[in-house]
């Protein structure tokens, strides 16, 4: 079951807008190029289906790691 995930961004007046950050269907992937930079504890909203255990950016990263162990683009590169 596919699901799009977003995060709520509020302006100075407290008015919120939702920005899509990830998509799950046969695996999970970030669809926003900056989403992986958000703190792991950032809450995400399932926009068009149920969250099925995904509630934060950290949860998205865990699902990506399980389905694609080579996806390490959000980790610190060791030199």
PDB file of N, CA and C in Angstrom:
ATOM      1  N   UNK A   1       0.846  -1.162   0.000  1.00  0.00           N
ATOM      2  CA  UNK A   1       0.000   0.000   0.000  1.00  0.00           C
ATOM      3  C   UNK A   1       0.897   1.231   0.000  1.00  0.00           C
ATOM      4  N   UNK A   2       0.695   2.112  -0.975  1.00  0.00           N
ATOM      5  CA  UNK A   2       1.552   3.292  -1.088  1.00  0.00           C
ATOM      6  C   UNK A   2       1.069   4.408  -0.163  1.00  0.00           C
ATOM      7  N   UNK A   3       2.025   5.179   0.301  1.00  0.00           N
ATOM      8  CA  UNK A   3       1.735   6.304   1.189  1.00  0.00           C
ATOM      9  C   UNK A   3       2.726   7.422   0.916  1.00  0.00           C
ATOM     10  N   UNK A   4       2.234   8.634   0.887  1.00  0.00           N
ATOM     11  CA  UNK A   4       3.084   9.819   0.814  1.00  0.00           C
ATOM     12  C   UNK A   4       3.156  10.417   2.209  1.00  0.00           C
ATOM     13  N   UNK A   5       4.366  10.805   2.623  1.00  0.00           N
ATOM     14  CA  UNK A   5       4.571  11.395   3.940  1.00  0.00           C
ATOM     15  C   UNK A   5       4.989  12.854   3.787  1.00  0.00           C
ATOM     16  N   UNK A   6       4.526  13.694   4.715  1.00  0.00           N
ATOM     17  CA  UNK A   6       4.884  15.101   4.694  1.00  0.00           C
ATOM     18  C   UNK A   6       5.212  15.602   6.082  1.00  0.00           C
ATOM     19  N   UNK A   7       5.780  16.791   6.126  1.00  0.00           N
ATOM     20  CA  UNK A   7       6.032  17.466   7.398  1.00  0.00           C
ATOM     21  C   UNK A   7       5.311  18.801   7.358  1.00  0.00           C
ATOM     22  N   UNK A   8       4.823  19.228   8.527  1.00  0.00           N
ATOM     23  CA  UNK A   8       4.133  20.513   8.607  1.00  0.00           C
ATOM     24  C   UNK A   8       5.148  21.616   8.883  1.00  0.00           C
ATOM     25  N   UNK A   9       5.088  22.637   8.069  1.00  0.00           N
ATOM     26  CA  UNK A   9       5.953  23.805   8.217  1.00  0.00           C
ATOM     27  C   UNK A   9       5.055  24.980   8.582  1.00  0.00           C
ATOM     28  N   UNK A  10       5.339  25.620   9.714  1.00  0.00           N
ATOM     29  CA  UNK A  10       4.530  26.764  10.153  1.00  0.00           C
ATOM     30  C   UNK A  10       5.323  28.054   9.976  1.00  0.00           C
ATOM     31  N   UNK A  11       4.620  29.090   9.529  1.00  0.00           N
ATOM     32  CA  UNK A  11       5.271  30.392   9.409  1.00  0.00           C
ATOM     33  C   UNK A  11       5.194  31.143  10.736  1.00  0.00           C
ATOM     34  N   UNK A  12       5.660  32.366  10.755  1.00  0.00           N
ATOM     35  CA  UNK A  12       5.693  33.154  11.990  1.00  0.00           C
ATOM     36  C   UNK A  12       4.305  33.405  12.584  1.00  0.00           C
ATOM     37  N   UNK A  13       3.272  33.359  11.742  1.00  0.00           N
ATOM     38  CA  UNK A  13       1.905  33.580  12.210  1.00  0.00           C
ATOM     39  C   UNK A  13       1.246  32.290  12.697  1.00  0.00           C
ATOM     40  N   UNK A  14       1.970  31.178  12.646  1.00  0.00           N
ATOM     41  CA  UNK A  14       1.423  29.904  13.093  1.00  0.00           C
ATOM     42  C   UNK A  14       0.600  29.181  12.047  1.00  0.00           C
ATOM     43  N   UNK A  15       0.572  29.726  10.841  1.00  0.00           N
ATOM     44  CA  UNK A  15      -0.177  29.088   9.759  1.00  0.00           C
ATOM     45  C   UNK A  15       0.708  28.000   9.146  1.00  0.00           C
ATOM     46  N   UNK A  16       0.159  26.791   9.051  1.00  0.00           N
ATOM     47  CA  UNK A  16       0.949  25.665   8.596  1.00  0.00           C
ATOM     48  C   UNK A  16       0.708  25.285   7.158  1.00  0.00           C
ATOM     49  N   UNK A  17       1.722  24.700   6.565  1.00  0.00           N
ATOM     50  CA  UNK A  17       1.652  24.143   5.225  1.00  0.00           C
ATOM     51  C   UNK A  17       2.363  22.796   5.288  1.00  0.00           C
ATOM     52  N   UNK A  18       1.933  21.838   4.497  1.00  0.00           N
ATOM     53  CA  UNK A  18       2.556  20.516   4.515  1.00  0.00           C
ATOM     54  C   UNK A  18       3.426  20.355   3.281  1.00  0.00           C
ATOM     55  N   UNK A  19       4.666  19.923   3.500  1.00  0.00           N
ATOM     56  CA  UNK A  19       5.609  19.682   2.421  1.00  0.00           C
ATOM     57  C   UNK A  19       5.831  18.176   2.335  1.00  0.00           C
ATOM     58  N   UNK A  20       5.650  17.598   1.156  1.00  0.00           N
ATOM     59  CA  UNK A  20       5.873  16.165   0.962  1.00  0.00           C
ATOM     60  C   UNK A  20       7.364  15.858   1.044  1.00  0.00           C
ATOM     61  N   UNK A  21       7.704  14.797   1.787  1.00  0.00           N
ATOM     62  CA  UNK A  21       9.116  14.475   1.987  1.00  0.00           C
ATOM     63  C   UNK A  21       9.489  13.051   1.584  1.00  0.00           C
ATOM     64  N   UNK A  22       8.543  12.115   1.601  1.00  0.00           N
ATOM     65  CA  UNK A  22       8.885  10.722   1.304  1.00  0.00           C
ATOM     66  C   UNK A  22       7.695   9.995   0.701  1.00  0.00           C
ATOM     67  N   UNK A  23       7.995   8.904   0.002  1.00  0.00           N
ATOM     68  CA  UNK A  23       6.962   8.087  -0.625  1.00  0.00           C
ATOM     69  C   UNK A  23       7.299   6.619  -0.393  1.00  0.00           C
ATOM     70  N   UNK A  24       6.265   5.843  -0.007  1.00  0.00           N
ATOM     71  CA  UNK A  24       6.455   4.400   0.216  1.00  0.00           C
ATOM     72  C   UNK A  24       5.567   3.643  -0.772  1.00  0.00           C
ATOM     73  N   UNK A  25       6.205   2.794  -1.568  1.00  0.00           N
ATOM     74  CA  UNK A  25       5.534   1.860  -2.465  1.00  0.00           C
ATOM     75  C   UNK A  25       6.621   0.934  -2.990  1.00  0.00           C
ATOM     76  N   UNK A  26       6.568  -0.324  -2.605  1.00  0.00           N
ATOM     77  CA  UNK A  26       7.661  -1.247  -2.956  1.00  0.00           C
ATOM     78  C   UNK A  26       8.997  -0.679  -2.486  1.00  0.00           C
ATOM     79  N   UNK A  27       9.056  -0.274  -1.252  1.00  0.00           N
ATOM     80  CA  UNK A  27      10.235   0.373  -0.682  1.00  0.00           C
ATOM     81  C   UNK A  27       9.896   1.813  -0.321  1.00  0.00           C
ATOM     82  N   UNK A  28      10.856   2.495   0.255  1.00  0.00           N
ATOM     83  CA  UNK A  28      10.656   3.882   0.697  1.00  0.00           C
ATOM     84  C   UNK A  28      11.752   4.728   0.086  1.00  0.00           C
ATOM     85  N   UNK A  29      11.408   5.975  -0.253  1.00  0.00           N
ATOM     86  CA  UNK A  29      12.426   6.902  -0.759  1.00  0.00           C
ATOM     87  C   UNK A  29      12.038   8.322  -0.387  1.00  0.00           C
ATOM     88  N   UNK A  30      13.055   9.166  -0.201  1.00  0.00           N
ATOM     89  CA  UNK A  30      12.809  10.585   0.007  1.00  0.00           C
ATOM     90  C   UNK A  30      12.474  11.201  -1.344  1.00  0.00           C
ATOM     91  N   UNK A  31      11.490  12.075  -1.379  1.00  0.00           N
ATOM     92  CA  UNK A  31      11.129  12.763  -2.614  1.00  0.00           C
ATOM     93  C   UNK A  31      11.460  14.248  -2.543  1.00  0.00           C
ATOM     94  N   UNK A  32      11.954  14.683  -1.407  1.00  0.00           N
ATOM     95  CA  UNK A  32      12.405  16.056  -1.231  1.00  0.00           C
ATOM     96  C   UNK A  32      13.909  15.990  -0.994  1.00  0.00           C
ATOM     97  N   UNK A  33      14.714  16.715  -1.776  1.00  0.00           N
ATOM     98  CA  UNK A  33      16.168  16.586  -1.666  1.00  0.00           C
ATOM     99  C   UNK A  33      16.757  17.048  -0.333  1.00  0.00           C
ATOM    100  N   UNK A  34      15.993  17.769   0.473  1.00  0.00           N
ATOM    101  CA  UNK A  34      16.497  18.247   1.762  1.00  0.00           C
ATOM    102  C   UNK A  34      15.927  17.479   2.948  1.00  0.00           C
ATOM    103  N   UNK A  35      14.988  16.591   2.720  1.00  0.00           N
ATOM    104  CA  UNK A  35      14.283  15.907   3.811  1.00  0.00           C
ATOM    105  C   UNK A  35      15.215  15.117   4.715  1.00  0.00           C
ATOM    106  N   UNK A  36      16.236  14.493   4.150  1.00  0.00           N
ATOM    107  CA  UNK A  36      17.143  13.678   4.971  1.00  0.00           C
ATOM    108  C   UNK A  36      17.958  14.520   5.948  1.00  0.00           C
ATOM    109  N   UNK A  37      17.967  15.841   5.767  1.00  0.00           N
ATOM    110  CA  UNK A  37      18.704  16.735   6.664  1.00  0.00           C
ATOM    111  C   UNK A  37      17.904  17.112   7.911  1.00  0.00           C
ATOM    112  N   UNK A  38      16.606  16.815   7.915  1.00  0.00           N
ATOM    113  CA  UNK A  38      15.781  17.114   9.086  1.00  0.00           C
ATOM    114  C   UNK A  38      16.184  16.214  10.250  1.00  0.00           C
ATOM    115  N   UNK A  39      16.026  16.686  11.482  1.00  0.00           N
ATOM    116  CA  UNK A  39      16.330  15.847  12.641  1.00  0.00           C
ATOM    117  C   UNK A  39      15.486  14.575  12.628  1.00  0.00           C
ATOM    118  N   UNK A  40      16.070  13.476  13.083  1.00  0.00           N
ATOM    119  CA  UNK A  40      15.374  12.183  13.087  1.00  0.00           C
ATOM    120  C   UNK A  40      14.056  12.231  13.848  1.00  0.00           C
ATOM    121  N   UNK A  41      13.946  13.098  14.852  1.00  0.00           N
ATOM    122  CA  UNK A  41      12.727  13.140  15.656  1.00  0.00           C
ATOM    123  C   UNK A  41      11.622  14.015  15.042  1.00  0.00           C
ATOM    124  N   UNK A  42      11.859  14.568  13.847  1.00  0.00           N
ATOM    125  CA  UNK A  42      10.845  15.377  13.176  1.00  0.00           C
ATOM    126  C   UNK A  42       9.631  14.512  12.833  1.00  0.00           C
ATOM    127  N   UNK A  43       8.453  14.943  13.279  1.00  0.00           N
ATOM    128  CA  UNK A  43       7.232  14.189  13.029  1.00  0.00           C
ATOM    129  C   UNK A  43       6.832  14.283  11.560  1.00  0.00           C
ATOM    130  N   UNK A  44       6.348  13.163  11.009  1.00  0.00           N
ATOM    131  CA  UNK A  44       5.836  13.154   9.648  1.00  0.00           C
ATOM    132  C   UNK A  44       4.355  12.793   9.674  1.00  0.00           C
ATOM    133  N   UNK A  45       3.648  13.190   8.644  1.00  0.00           N
ATOM    134  CA  UNK A  45       2.211  12.957   8.533  1.00  0.00           C
ATOM    135  C   UNK A  45       1.975  12.059   7.326  1.00  0.00           C
ATOM    136  N   UNK A  46       1.239  10.971   7.519  1.00  0.00           N
ATOM    137  CA  UNK A  46       0.835  10.127   6.396  1.00  0.00           C
ATOM    138  C   UNK A  46      -0.304  10.852   5.681  1.00  0.00           C
ATOM    139  N   UNK A  47      -0.090  11.233   4.431  1.00  0.00           N
ATOM    140  CA  UNK A  47      -1.035  12.108   3.743  1.00  0.00           C
ATOM    141  C   UNK A  47      -2.169  11.373   3.044  1.00  0.00           C
ATOM    142  N   UNK A  48      -1.917  10.190   2.532  1.00  0.00           N
ATOM    143  CA  UNK A  48      -2.946   9.559   1.719  1.00  0.00           C
ATOM    144  C   UNK A  48      -3.187   8.084   2.059  1.00  0.00           C
ATOM    145  N   UNK A  49      -2.734   7.661   3.219  1.00  0.00           N
ATOM    146  CA  UNK A  49      -2.946   6.299   3.673  1.00  0.00           C
ATOM    147  C   UNK A  49      -2.574   6.222   5.151  1.00  0.00           C
ATOM    148  N   UNK A  50      -2.480   5.027   5.693  1.00  0.00           N
ATOM    149  CA  UNK A  50      -2.102   4.887   7.099  1.00  0.00           C
ATOM    150  C   UNK A  50      -0.580   4.897   7.235  1.00  0.00           C
ATOM    151  N   UNK A  51      -0.057   5.328   8.383  1.00  0.00           N
ATOM    152  CA  UNK A  51       1.397   5.429   8.538  1.00  0.00           C
ATOM    153  C   UNK A  51       2.114   4.085   8.663  1.00  0.00           C
ATOM    154  N   UNK A  52       1.434   3.055   9.119  1.00  0.00           N
ATOM    155  CA  UNK A  52       2.017   1.714   9.273  1.00  0.00           C
ATOM    156  C   UNK A  52       3.379   1.752   9.966  1.00  0.00           C
ATOM    157  N   UNK A  53       3.439   2.432  11.112  1.00  0.00           N
ATOM    158  CA  UNK A  53       4.655   2.439  11.920  1.00  0.00           C
ATOM    159  C   UNK A  53       5.653   3.524  11.591  1.00  0.00           C
ATOM    160  N   UNK A  54       5.361   4.385  10.635  1.00  0.00           N
ATOM    161  CA  UNK A  54       6.273   5.474  10.266  1.00  0.00           C
ATOM    162  C   UNK A  54       5.702   6.777  10.816  1.00  0.00           C
ATOM    163  N   UNK A  55       6.412   7.342  11.795  1.00  0.00           N
ATOM    164  CA  UNK A  55       5.930   8.552  12.461  1.00  0.00           C
ATOM    165  C   UNK A  55       6.953   9.694  12.471  1.00  0.00           C
ATOM    166  N   UNK A  56       8.210   9.389  12.131  1.00  0.00           N
ATOM    167  CA  UNK A  56       9.265  10.400  12.172  1.00  0.00           C
ATOM    168  C   UNK A  56      10.207  10.239  10.970  1.00  0.00           C
ATOM    169  N   UNK A  57      11.044  11.236  10.762  1.00  0.00           N
ATOM    170  CA  UNK A  57      12.081  11.147   9.730  1.00  0.00           C
ATOM    171  C   UNK A  57      12.997   9.955  10.026  1.00  0.00           C
ATOM    172  N   UNK A  58      13.288   9.733  11.307  1.00  0.00           N
ATOM    173  CA  UNK A  58      14.121   8.583  11.694  1.00  0.00           C
ATOM    174  C   UNK A  58      13.489   7.260  11.289  1.00  0.00           C
ATOM    175  N   UNK A  59      12.171   7.156  11.420  1.00  0.00           N
ATOM    176  CA  UNK A  59      11.468   5.940  10.987  1.00  0.00           C
ATOM    177  C   UNK A  59      11.627   5.737   9.480  1.00  0.00           C
ATOM    178  N   UNK A  60      11.539   6.818   8.715  1.00  0.00           N
ATOM    179  CA  UNK A  60      11.711   6.726   7.264  1.00  0.00           C
ATOM    180  C   UNK A  60      13.106   6.217   6.935  1.00  0.00           C
ATOM    181  N   UNK A  61      14.113   6.755   7.602  1.00  0.00           N
ATOM    182  CA  UNK A  61      15.492   6.309   7.364  1.00  0.00           C
ATOM    183  C   UNK A  61      15.660   4.828   7.684  1.00  0.00           C
ATOM    184  N   UNK A  62      15.028   4.365   8.768  1.00  0.00           N
ATOM    185  CA  UNK A  62      15.107   2.945   9.133  1.00  0.00           C
ATOM    186  C   UNK A  62      14.490   2.067   8.054  1.00  0.00           C
ATOM    187  N   UNK A  63      13.340   2.474   7.537  1.00  0.00           N
ATOM    188  CA  UNK A  63      12.687   1.688   6.478  1.00  0.00           C
ATOM    189  C   UNK A  63      13.558   1.672   5.227  1.00  0.00           C
ATOM    190  N   UNK A  64      14.145   2.815   4.875  1.00  0.00           N
ATOM    191  CA  UNK A  64      15.027   2.865   3.708  1.00  0.00           C
ATOM    192  C   UNK A  64      16.210   1.936   3.908  1.00  0.00           C
ATOM    193  N   UNK A  65      16.832   1.956   5.090  1.00  0.00           N
ATOM    194  CA  UNK A  65      17.974   1.077   5.367  1.00  0.00           C
ATOM    195  C   UNK A  65      17.610  -0.393   5.230  1.00  0.00           C
ATOM    196  N   UNK A  66      16.397  -0.768   5.675  1.00  0.00           N
ATOM    197  CA  UNK A  66      15.971  -2.167   5.600  1.00  0.00           C
ATOM    198  C   UNK A  66      15.744  -2.605   4.167  1.00  0.00           C
ATOM    199  N   UNK A  67      15.224  -1.705   3.332  1.00  0.00           N
ATOM    200  CA  UNK A  67      14.919  -2.080   1.956  1.00  0.00           C
ATOM    201  C   UNK A  67      16.081  -1.818   1.009  1.00  0.00           C
ATOM    202  N   UNK A  68      16.988  -0.903   1.364  1.00  0.00           N
ATOM    203  CA  UNK A  68      18.155  -0.603   0.530  1.00  0.00           C
ATOM    204  C   UNK A  68      19.352  -0.327   1.429  1.00  0.00           C
ATOM    205  N   UNK A  69      20.077  -1.381   1.811  1.00  0.00           N
ATOM    206  CA  UNK A  69      21.198  -1.227   2.748  1.00  0.00           C
ATOM    207  C   UNK A  69      22.316  -0.302   2.247  1.00  0.00           C
ATOM    208  N   UNK A  70      22.349   0.006   0.957  1.00  0.00           N
ATOM    209  CA  UNK A  70      23.391   0.892   0.435  1.00  0.00           C
ATOM    210  C   UNK A  70      23.001   2.365   0.530  1.00  0.00           C
ATOM    211  N   UNK A  71      21.793   2.662   0.947  1.00  0.00           N
ATOM    212  CA  UNK A  71      21.322   4.052   1.044  1.00  0.00           C
ATOM    213  C   UNK A  71      21.886   4.694   2.296  1.00  0.00           C
ATOM    214  N   UNK A  72      23.018   5.333   2.162  1.00  0.00           N
ATOM    215  CA  UNK A  72      23.688   5.930   3.312  1.00  0.00           C
ATOM    216  C   UNK A  72      23.909   7.423   3.121  1.00  0.00           C
ATOM    217  N   UNK A  73      23.134   8.062   2.296  1.00  0.00           N
ATOM    218  CA  UNK A  73      23.392   9.458   1.954  1.00  0.00           C
ATOM    219  C   UNK A  73      23.137  10.435   3.077  1.00  0.00           C
ATOM    220  N   UNK A  74      22.496  10.017   4.172  1.00  0.00           N
ATOM    221  CA  UNK A  74      22.238  10.953   5.272  1.00  0.00           C
ATOM    222  C   UNK A  74      23.240  10.774   6.412  1.00  0.00           C
ATOM    223  N   UNK A  75      24.112   9.816   6.302  1.00  0.00           N
ATOM    224  CA  UNK A  75      25.087   9.583   7.367  1.00  0.00           C
ATOM    225  C   UNK A  75      26.338  10.414   7.128  1.00  0.00           C
ATOM    226  N   UNK A  76      27.087  10.620   8.185  1.00  0.00           N
ATOM    227  CA  UNK A  76      28.364  11.319   8.069  1.00  0.00           C
ATOM    228  C   UNK A  76      29.343  10.433   7.322  1.00  0.00           C
ATOM    229  N   UNK A  77      29.971  11.009   6.332  1.00  0.00           N
ATOM    230  CA  UNK A  77      30.934  10.252   5.543  1.00  0.00           C
ATOM    231  C   UNK A  77      32.219  10.124   6.331  1.00  0.00           C
ATOM    232  N   UNK A  78      32.723   8.899   6.466  1.00  0.00           N
ATOM    233  CA  UNK A  78      33.979   8.666   7.170  1.00  0.00           C
ATOM    234  C   UNK A  78      35.119   8.774   6.160  1.00  0.00           C
ATOM    235  N   UNK A  79      36.157   9.521   6.539  1.00  0.00           N
ATOM    236  CA  UNK A  79      37.283   9.711   5.633  1.00  0.00           C
ATOM    237  C   UNK A  79      38.485   8.936   6.114  1.00  0.00           C
TER     238      UNK A  79
END
